[in-house]
Amino acid sequence: MLDRPVAILLMCLALWLLPVRAAVAGDYIAAGPNPTAEDYVANVNPQAKIVEGGDLVLAGHRVACGVRPVVLDPNLDDYAAAYDGFIILNPTKLAGLEPPVSLWIYSHECGHQFRGPDEDGADCFAVERGRRQGWLTADGVEKICNFISPSHGDMMHFSGPERCNTVRRCFGNKDKF
């Protein structure tokens, strides 16, 4: 495991190089340095659907990340992703998850909109939001931990057990609520 400053530096470098890598790989061609949800749909999956900010219902809850739209892309190779200014969700992958897990995933991506590329920050943002909004309980934290614990981590994310520790720590921090 890399120490935190090196991991953050590598994460920032990866985000800076993302448009270059994507353009070379041909899997995403942005219209400019900050692609929009419309750019994503036009260049990645024309069948994806854009839902305006505040109009999405996920696991029975109306969710919003300010006014940012959500792209619903069943071809996304992950549960969710975030670009500056919009969130992408794979509704097929999210459909089989427990409500606290899917809401946490959405809120994690929303956290990137406010806290940048910091994964711990996005994880805590999601937990804090869940507690404030009432959809995250101690039982929900355990469901999130069961979901993320098998992950070995990658260049951007710490391992599942490490992330679970972060989720538990943030849930227990009552000073935030």
C-alpha atoms as a PDB file:
ATOM      1  CA  MET A   1       0.000   0.000   0.000  1.00  0.00           C
ATOM      2  CA  LEU A   2       1.309   3.426  -0.923  1.00  0.00           C
ATOM      3  CA  ASP A   3       1.529   6.076   1.722  1.00  0.00           C
ATOM      4  CA  ARG A   4      -1.255   8.657   1.554  1.00  0.00           C
ATOM      5  CA  PRO A   5       0.672  11.605  -0.058  1.00  0.00           C
ATOM      6  CA  VAL A   6       2.003   9.363  -2.839  1.00  0.00           C
ATOM      7  CA  ALA A   7      -1.439   7.813  -3.408  1.00  0.00           C
ATOM      8  CA  ILE A   8      -3.023  11.269  -3.665  1.00  0.00           C
ATOM      9  CA  LEU A   9      -0.310  12.443  -6.071  1.00  0.00           C
ATOM     10  CA  LEU A  10      -0.818   9.375  -8.278  1.00  0.00           C
ATOM     11  CA  MET A  11      -4.579   9.850  -8.178  1.00  0.00           C
ATOM     12  CA  CYS A  12      -4.253  13.487  -9.290  1.00  0.00           C
ATOM     13  CA  LEU A  13      -1.867  12.485 -12.080  1.00  0.00           C
ATOM     14  CA  ALA A  14      -4.284   9.792 -13.259  1.00  0.00           C
ATOM     15  CA  LEU A  15      -7.168  12.278 -13.326  1.00  0.00           C
ATOM     16  CA  TRP A  16      -5.040  14.798 -15.212  1.00  0.00           C
ATOM     17  CA  LEU A  17      -4.111  12.156 -17.788  1.00  0.00           C
ATOM     18  CA  LEU A  18      -7.646  10.725 -18.071  1.00  0.00           C
ATOM     19  CA  PRO A  19      -8.676  12.785 -21.133  1.00  0.00           C
ATOM     20  CA  VAL A  20      -5.403  11.879 -22.880  1.00  0.00           C
ATOM     21  CA  ARG A  21      -5.739   8.158 -22.087  1.00  0.00           C
ATOM     22  CA  ALA A  22      -9.389   8.111 -23.054  1.00  0.00           C
ATOM     23  CA  ALA A  23      -8.823   9.909 -26.333  1.00  0.00           C
ATOM     24  CA  VAL A  24      -6.016   7.508 -27.242  1.00  0.00           C
ATOM     25  CA  ALA A  25      -8.045   4.463 -26.206  1.00  0.00           C
ATOM     26  CA  GLY A  26     -11.077   5.738 -28.089  1.00  0.00           C
ATOM     27  CA  ASP A  27     -13.471   4.972 -25.243  1.00  0.00           C
ATOM     28  CA  TYR A  28     -14.233   8.584 -24.453  1.00  0.00           C
ATOM     29  CA  ILE A  29     -13.653  11.696 -26.474  1.00  0.00           C
ATOM     30  CA  ALA A  30     -14.517  14.858 -24.639  1.00  0.00           C
ATOM     31  CA  ALA A  31     -15.633  18.003 -26.399  1.00  0.00           C
ATOM     32  CA  GLY A  32     -13.294  19.938 -24.132  1.00  0.00           C
ATOM     33  CA  PRO A  33     -11.460  19.714 -20.841  1.00  0.00           C
ATOM     34  CA  ASN A  34     -14.723  19.366 -18.887  1.00  0.00           C
ATOM     35  CA  PRO A  35     -17.122  17.052 -20.711  1.00  0.00           C
ATOM     36  CA  THR A  36     -20.831  17.439 -20.060  1.00  0.00           C
ATOM     37  CA  ALA A  37     -23.433  14.745 -19.577  1.00  0.00           C
ATOM     38  CA  GLU A  38     -24.532  15.449 -23.154  1.00  0.00           C
ATOM     39  CA  ASP A  39     -20.951  14.931 -24.402  1.00  0.00           C
ATOM     40  CA  TYR A  40     -20.818  11.612 -22.577  1.00  0.00           C
ATOM     41  CA  VAL A  41     -24.067  10.363 -24.113  1.00  0.00           C
ATOM     42  CA  ALA A  42     -23.109  11.570 -27.603  1.00  0.00           C
ATOM     43  CA  ASN A  43     -19.633   9.998 -27.525  1.00  0.00           C
ATOM     44  CA  VAL A  44     -19.894   6.968 -25.254  1.00  0.00           C
ATOM     45  CA  ASN A  45     -23.416   5.549 -25.313  1.00  0.00           C
ATOM     46  CA  PRO A  46     -26.167   7.261 -27.301  1.00  0.00           C
ATOM     47  CA  GLN A  47     -28.718   4.958 -25.600  1.00  0.00           C
ATOM     48  CA  ALA A  48     -27.790   6.265 -22.144  1.00  0.00           C
ATOM     49  CA  LYS A  49     -30.379   8.499 -20.502  1.00  0.00           C
ATOM     50  CA  ILE A  50     -29.802  11.839 -18.791  1.00  0.00           C
ATOM     51  CA  VAL A  51     -31.859  12.523 -15.668  1.00  0.00           C
ATOM     52  CA  GLU A  52     -31.877  16.130 -14.523  1.00  0.00           C
ATOM     53  CA  GLY A  53     -30.636  16.954 -11.038  1.00  0.00           C
ATOM     54  CA  GLY A  54     -33.228  16.144  -8.386  1.00  0.00           C
ATOM     55  CA  ASP A  55     -35.393  13.982 -10.672  1.00  0.00           C
ATOM     56  CA  LEU A  56     -33.785  10.609  -9.924  1.00  0.00           C
ATOM     57  CA  VAL A  57     -35.410   8.123  -7.562  1.00  0.00           C
ATOM     58  CA  LEU A  58     -32.976   5.494  -6.304  1.00  0.00           C
ATOM     59  CA  ALA A  59     -33.954   2.719  -3.883  1.00  0.00           C
ATOM     60  CA  GLY A  60     -37.201   4.563  -3.173  1.00  0.00           C
ATOM     61  CA  HIS A  61     -35.479   7.871  -2.344  1.00  0.00           C
ATOM     62  CA  ARG A  62     -35.388  11.020  -4.464  1.00  0.00           C
ATOM     63  CA  VAL A  63     -31.689  11.869  -4.712  1.00  0.00           C
ATOM     64  CA  ALA A  64     -29.908  15.005  -5.790  1.00  0.00           C
ATOM     65  CA  CYS A  65     -26.351  16.214  -5.986  1.00  0.00           C
ATOM     66  CA  GLY A  66     -27.089  19.895  -6.224  1.00  0.00           C
ATOM     67  CA  VAL A  67     -28.280  20.528  -9.764  1.00  0.00           C
ATOM     68  CA  ARG A  68     -25.925  17.983 -11.338  1.00  0.00           C
ATOM     69  CA  PRO A  69     -27.511  15.571 -13.811  1.00  0.00           C
ATOM     70  CA  VAL A  70     -27.131  11.805 -13.714  1.00  0.00           C
ATOM     71  CA  VAL A  71     -26.394   9.696 -16.773  1.00  0.00           C
ATOM     72  CA  LEU A  72     -27.959   6.232 -16.596  1.00  0.00           C
ATOM     73  CA  ASP A  73     -25.672   3.996 -18.645  1.00  0.00           C
ATOM     74  CA  PRO A  74     -26.267   0.233 -18.439  1.00  0.00           C
ATOM     75  CA  ASN A  75     -23.025  -0.279 -20.391  1.00  0.00           C
ATOM     76  CA  LEU A  76     -20.828   1.398 -17.764  1.00  0.00           C
ATOM     77  CA  ASP A  77     -18.301  -1.191 -16.603  1.00  0.00           C
ATOM     78  CA  ASP A  78     -18.705  -0.245 -12.936  1.00  0.00           C
ATOM     79  CA  TYR A  79     -21.535   0.633 -10.567  1.00  0.00           C
ATOM     80  CA  ALA A  80     -20.944   4.371 -10.916  1.00  0.00           C
ATOM     81  CA  ALA A  81     -18.490   7.062 -11.927  1.00  0.00           C
ATOM     82  CA  ALA A  82     -18.190  10.820 -11.686  1.00  0.00           C
ATOM     83  CA  TYR A  83     -17.027  13.529 -14.017  1.00  0.00           C
ATOM     84  CA  ASP A  84     -16.819  17.108 -12.851  1.00  0.00           C
ATOM     85  CA  GLY A  85     -20.409  18.296 -13.187  1.00  0.00           C
ATOM     86  CA  PHE A  86     -22.282  14.993 -13.537  1.00  0.00           C
ATOM     87  CA  ILE A  87     -22.609  11.450 -12.205  1.00  0.00           C
ATOM     88  CA  ILE A  88     -22.888   8.216 -14.192  1.00  0.00           C
ATOM     89  CA  LEU A  89     -24.780   5.225 -12.795  1.00  0.00           C
ATOM     90  CA  ASN A  90     -25.178   1.705 -14.134  1.00  0.00           C
ATOM     91  CA  PRO A  91     -28.819   0.967 -13.258  1.00  0.00           C
ATOM     92  CA  THR A  92     -28.436  -2.732 -14.077  1.00  0.00           C
ATOM     93  CA  LYS A  93     -25.636  -3.211 -11.558  1.00  0.00           C
ATOM     94  CA  LEU A  94     -27.330  -1.053  -8.909  1.00  0.00           C
ATOM     95  CA  ALA A  95     -30.666  -2.885  -9.228  1.00  0.00           C
ATOM     96  CA  GLY A  96     -29.468  -5.943  -7.287  1.00  0.00           C
ATOM     97  CA  LEU A  97     -28.009  -4.043  -4.339  1.00  0.00           C
ATOM     98  CA  GLU A  98     -29.427  -3.340  -0.896  1.00  0.00           C
ATOM     99  CA  PRO A  99     -30.867   0.220  -0.701  1.00  0.00           C
ATOM    100  CA  PRO A 100     -28.192   1.575   1.699  1.00  0.00           C
ATOM    101  CA  VAL A 101     -25.470   0.287  -0.624  1.00  0.00           C
ATOM    102  CA  SER A 102     -26.902   1.825  -3.803  1.00  0.00           C
ATOM    103  CA  LEU A 103     -27.601   5.123  -2.016  1.00  0.00           C
ATOM    104  CA  TRP A 104     -24.064   5.112  -0.588  1.00  0.00           C
ATOM    105  CA  ILE A 105     -22.607   4.505  -4.067  1.00  0.00           C
ATOM    106  CA  TYR A 106     -24.571   7.418  -5.509  1.00  0.00           C
ATOM    107  CA  SER A 107     -23.650   9.650  -2.573  1.00  0.00           C
ATOM    108  CA  HIS A 108     -19.984   8.631  -2.880  1.00  0.00           C
ATOM    109  CA  GLU A 109     -19.965   9.864  -6.489  1.00  0.00           C
ATOM    110  CA  CYS A 110     -21.753  13.031  -5.368  1.00  0.00           C
ATOM    111  CA  GLY A 111     -19.018  13.443  -2.768  1.00  0.00           C
ATOM    112  CA  HIS A 112     -16.466  13.683  -5.564  1.00  0.00           C
ATOM    113  CA  GLN A 113     -18.393  16.690  -6.878  1.00  0.00           C
ATOM    114  CA  PHE A 114     -17.819  18.517  -3.596  1.00  0.00           C
ATOM    115  CA  ARG A 115     -14.599  17.013  -2.228  1.00  0.00           C
ATOM    116  CA  GLY A 116     -12.700  16.263  -5.425  1.00  0.00           C
ATOM    117  CA  PRO A 117     -10.820  13.039  -6.166  1.00  0.00           C
ATOM    118  CA  ASP A 118     -10.184  12.103  -2.515  1.00  0.00           C
ATOM    119  CA  GLU A 119     -11.731   8.638  -2.082  1.00  0.00           C
ATOM    120  CA  ASP A 120     -11.787   8.768   1.729  1.00  0.00           C
ATOM    121  CA  GLY A 121     -13.464  12.159   1.519  1.00  0.00           C
ATOM    122  CA  ALA A 122     -16.097  10.827  -0.885  1.00  0.00           C
ATOM    123  CA  ASP A 123     -16.695   7.778   1.324  1.00  0.00           C
ATOM    124  CA  CYS A 124     -17.199   9.998   4.393  1.00  0.00           C
ATOM    125  CA  PHE A 125     -19.366  12.437   2.450  1.00  0.00           C
ATOM    126  CA  ALA A 126     -21.666   9.546   1.526  1.00  0.00           C
ATOM    127  CA  VAL A 127     -21.848   8.281   5.108  1.00  0.00           C
ATOM    128  CA  GLU A 128     -22.466  11.748   6.547  1.00  0.00           C
ATOM    129  CA  ARG A 129     -25.200  12.374   3.964  1.00  0.00           C
ATOM    130  CA  GLY A 130     -26.817   9.024   4.724  1.00  0.00           C
ATOM    131  CA  ARG A 131     -26.925   9.737   8.454  1.00  0.00           C
ATOM    132  CA  ARG A 132     -28.332  13.229   7.935  1.00  0.00           C
ATOM    133  CA  GLN A 133     -30.971  12.012   5.481  1.00  0.00           C
ATOM    134  CA  GLY A 134     -31.890   9.022   7.623  1.00  0.00           C
ATOM    135  CA  TRP A 135     -31.276   6.224   5.120  1.00  0.00           C
ATOM    136  CA  LEU A 136     -28.035   5.017   6.719  1.00  0.00           C
ATOM    137  CA  THR A 137     -28.166   3.073   9.991  1.00  0.00           C
ATOM    138  CA  ALA A 138     -25.592   0.864  11.711  1.00  0.00           C
ATOM    139  CA  ASP A 139     -27.131  -2.094   9.848  1.00  0.00           C
ATOM    140  CA  GLY A 140     -26.680  -0.207   6.563  1.00  0.00           C
ATOM    141  CA  VAL A 141     -23.016   0.404   7.400  1.00  0.00           C
ATOM    142  CA  GLU A 142     -22.540  -3.359   7.757  1.00  0.00           C
ATOM    143  CA  LYS A 143     -24.252  -3.911   4.378  1.00  0.00           C
ATOM    144  CA  ILE A 144     -21.863  -1.391   2.802  1.00  0.00           C
ATOM    145  CA  CYS A 145     -18.900  -3.113   4.471  1.00  0.00           C
ATOM    146  CA  ASN A 146     -20.066  -6.515   3.231  1.00  0.00           C
ATOM    147  CA  PHE A 147     -20.294  -5.052  -0.269  1.00  0.00           C
ATOM    148  CA  ILE A 148     -16.861  -3.357  -0.346  1.00  0.00           C
ATOM    149  CA  SER A 149     -14.813  -5.748   1.826  1.00  0.00           C
ATOM    150  CA  PRO A 150     -13.940  -8.216  -0.973  1.00  0.00           C
ATOM    151  CA  SER A 151     -12.281  -5.434  -2.998  1.00  0.00           C
ATOM    152  CA  HIS A 152      -8.503  -5.559  -3.209  1.00  0.00           C
ATOM    153  CA  GLY A 153      -8.334  -1.875  -4.087  1.00  0.00           C
ATOM    154  CA  ASP A 154      -6.686  -0.290  -7.096  1.00  0.00           C
ATOM    155  CA  MET A 155      -4.714   2.793  -8.051  1.00  0.00           C
ATOM    156  CA  MET A 156      -7.610   5.036  -7.006  1.00  0.00           C
ATOM    157  CA  HIS A 157      -9.242   3.106  -4.149  1.00  0.00           C
ATOM    158  CA  PHE A 158      -7.953   1.647  -0.917  1.00  0.00           C
ATOM    159  CA  SER A 159      -8.780  -1.999  -0.214  1.00  0.00           C
ATOM    160  CA  GLY A 160     -12.308  -2.888   0.850  1.00  0.00           C
ATOM    161  CA  PRO A 161     -11.392  -3.537   4.495  1.00  0.00           C
ATOM    162  CA  GLU A 162      -9.601  -0.177   4.683  1.00  0.00           C
ATOM    163  CA  ARG A 163     -12.614   1.576   3.130  1.00  0.00           C
ATOM    164  CA  CYS A 164     -14.895  -0.248   5.557  1.00  0.00           C
ATOM    165  CA  ASN A 165     -12.845   1.149   8.445  1.00  0.00           C
ATOM    166  CA  THR A 166     -13.307   4.628   6.967  1.00  0.00           C
ATOM    167  CA  VAL A 167     -17.066   4.101   6.601  1.00  0.00           C
ATOM    168  CA  ARG A 168     -17.346   2.921  10.214  1.00  0.00           C
ATOM    169  CA  ARG A 169     -15.187   5.780  11.496  1.00  0.00           C
ATOM    170  CA  CYS A 170     -17.237   8.378   9.609  1.00  0.00           C
ATOM    171  CA  PHE A 171     -20.518   6.840  10.751  1.00  0.00           C
ATOM    172  CA  GLY A 172     -19.342   6.962  14.365  1.00  0.00           C
ATOM    173  CA  ASN A 173     -18.248  10.610  14.152  1.00  0.00           C
ATOM    174  CA  LYS A 174     -21.342  12.186  15.731  1.00  0.00           C
ATOM    175  CA  ASP A 175     -19.728  15.655  15.655  1.00  0.00           C
ATOM    176  CA  LYS A 176     -20.680  15.840  11.962  1.00  0.00           C
ATOM    177  CA  PHE A 177     -24.434  15.485  12.598  1.00  0.00           C
END
